[in-house]
Amino acid sequence: MKNIGRCQNCSRAIPKGETLFEIRIDIYAKGGPIEIDPEDLQKDHIKEMKELLKRMETMDVDELTDEVWESYRFDLCKTCRKEFHKKLKLRKKGGLVRRSKGNYRNN
């Protein structure tokens, strides 16, 4: 029987006829309201931007982008999807979520 994919958590092959679940997670930097006080208006913003750009030149591109946005995608079998869903529900209710023994990876 032909497989349609593989669970990225337990590595089980998913045969044709079973459902392969895709989970996507996007992590964004959450901006808050900007508060400007009189001291901010007195700063040399050109100088601050130049200093920021200089610091960024020595940083890794992945490091810089991960601070703003990351995206993950996982294919899961029905059993692993059910466990993942259960952990999300516990988290939503304020319970603890234990790290899975699986090996999720970034795509």
Protein backbone atom coordinates (compact mmCIF):
# COMPACT_ATOMS: atom_id res chain seq x y z
CA MET A 1 0.00 0.00 0.00
CA LYS A 2 1.29 3.44 -0.90
CA ASN A 3 2.12 5.90 1.90
CA ILE A 4 0.97 9.52 1.73
CA GLY A 5 3.56 10.82 4.16
CA ARG A 6 5.31 10.32 7.47
CA CYS A 7 4.55 11.66 10.95
CA GLN A 8 7.31 14.08 11.92
CA ASN A 9 6.78 13.28 15.60
CA CYS A 10 6.78 9.47 15.80
CA SER A 11 8.12 8.77 12.26
CA ARG A 12 5.24 6.40 11.47
CA ALA A 13 4.46 6.08 7.76
CA ILE A 14 0.90 7.18 6.97
CA PRO A 15 -0.75 4.81 4.49
CA LYS A 16 -3.21 5.88 1.83
CA GLY A 17 -6.67 6.08 3.36
CA GLU A 18 -5.50 7.55 6.67
CA THR A 19 -5.45 11.26 7.40
CA LEU A 20 -2.17 13.13 7.59
CA PHE A 21 -2.57 16.26 9.71
CA GLU A 22 -0.60 19.43 9.08
CA ILE A 23 0.06 21.79 11.96
CA ARG A 24 1.41 25.26 11.26
CA ILE A 25 2.82 27.55 13.90
CA ASP A 26 3.74 31.17 13.25
CA ILE A 27 5.58 33.06 15.98
CA TYR A 28 5.47 36.84 15.64
CA ALA A 29 7.03 39.58 17.71
CA LYS A 30 4.12 41.25 19.43
CA GLY A 31 4.43 45.00 19.37
CA GLY A 32 2.92 47.09 22.07
CA PRO A 33 1.75 50.66 22.13
CA ILE A 34 4.48 53.19 21.47
CA GLU A 35 4.99 55.58 24.34
CA ILE A 36 6.92 58.75 23.60
CA ASP A 37 7.99 61.08 26.35
CA PRO A 38 9.75 64.46 26.06
CA GLU A 39 13.18 62.84 26.57
CA ASP A 40 12.62 60.70 23.47
CA LEU A 41 12.12 63.80 21.37
CA GLN A 42 15.54 65.11 22.42
CA LYS A 43 17.49 62.00 21.35
CA ASP A 44 19.71 61.84 18.29
CA HIS A 45 17.66 59.29 16.32
CA ILE A 46 19.99 59.30 13.31
CA LYS A 47 22.89 58.34 15.57
CA GLU A 48 20.79 55.62 17.26
CA MET A 49 19.79 54.15 13.88
CA LYS A 50 23.40 54.08 12.71
CA GLU A 51 24.43 52.30 15.92
CA LEU A 52 21.61 49.80 15.49
CA LEU A 53 22.59 49.09 11.88
CA LYS A 54 26.21 48.63 12.92
CA ARG A 55 25.21 46.08 15.59
CA MET A 56 22.99 44.28 13.09
CA GLU A 57 25.89 43.89 10.63
CA THR A 58 27.59 41.50 13.06
CA MET A 59 24.45 39.45 13.70
CA ASP A 60 23.44 36.32 11.84
CA VAL A 61 20.54 36.75 9.37
CA ASP A 62 18.61 33.87 10.97
CA GLU A 63 19.11 35.40 14.41
CA LEU A 64 17.70 38.71 13.19
CA THR A 65 14.67 37.25 11.44
CA ASP A 66 13.86 34.83 14.28
CA GLU A 67 13.47 37.83 16.58
CA VAL A 68 10.60 39.04 14.37
CA TRP A 69 8.95 35.98 12.81
CA GLU A 70 9.35 32.21 12.73
CA SER A 71 7.24 29.66 10.92
CA TYR A 72 6.99 25.93 11.59
CA ARG A 73 5.08 23.17 9.82
CA PHE A 74 4.62 19.62 11.05
CA ASP A 75 2.93 16.59 9.51
CA LEU A 76 1.37 14.41 12.20
CA CYS A 77 -0.43 11.08 12.31
CA LYS A 78 -3.85 10.88 13.98
CA THR A 79 -2.40 9.69 17.31
CA CYS A 80 0.25 12.43 17.54
CA ARG A 81 -2.25 15.08 16.40
CA LYS A 82 -4.60 13.94 19.17
CA GLU A 83 -1.80 14.23 21.77
CA PHE A 84 -0.76 17.65 20.45
CA HIS A 85 -4.38 18.82 20.57
CA LYS A 86 -4.78 17.53 24.14
CA LYS A 87 -1.69 19.47 25.24
CA LEU A 88 -2.99 22.64 23.59
CA LYS A 89 -6.30 22.26 25.42
CA LEU A 90 -4.48 21.80 28.74
CA ARG A 91 -2.40 24.89 28.03
CA LYS A 92 -5.51 26.89 27.22
CA LYS A 93 -7.03 25.82 30.55
CA GLY A 94 -3.87 26.88 32.39
CA GLY A 95 -2.36 23.43 32.85
CA LEU A 96 1.23 22.51 32.26
CA VAL A 97 2.36 21.28 28.87
CA ARG A 98 5.19 18.77 28.99
CA ARG A 99 7.65 18.65 26.13
CA SER A 100 6.86 15.89 23.67
CA LYS A 101 9.34 13.09 23.20
CA GLY A 102 9.01 13.73 19.47
CA ASN A 103 11.40 15.57 17.25
CA TYR A 104 9.51 18.43 15.65
CA ARG A 105 11.58 20.38 13.21
CA ASN A 106 11.52 23.75 11.51
CA ASN A 107 10.52 23.78 7.83
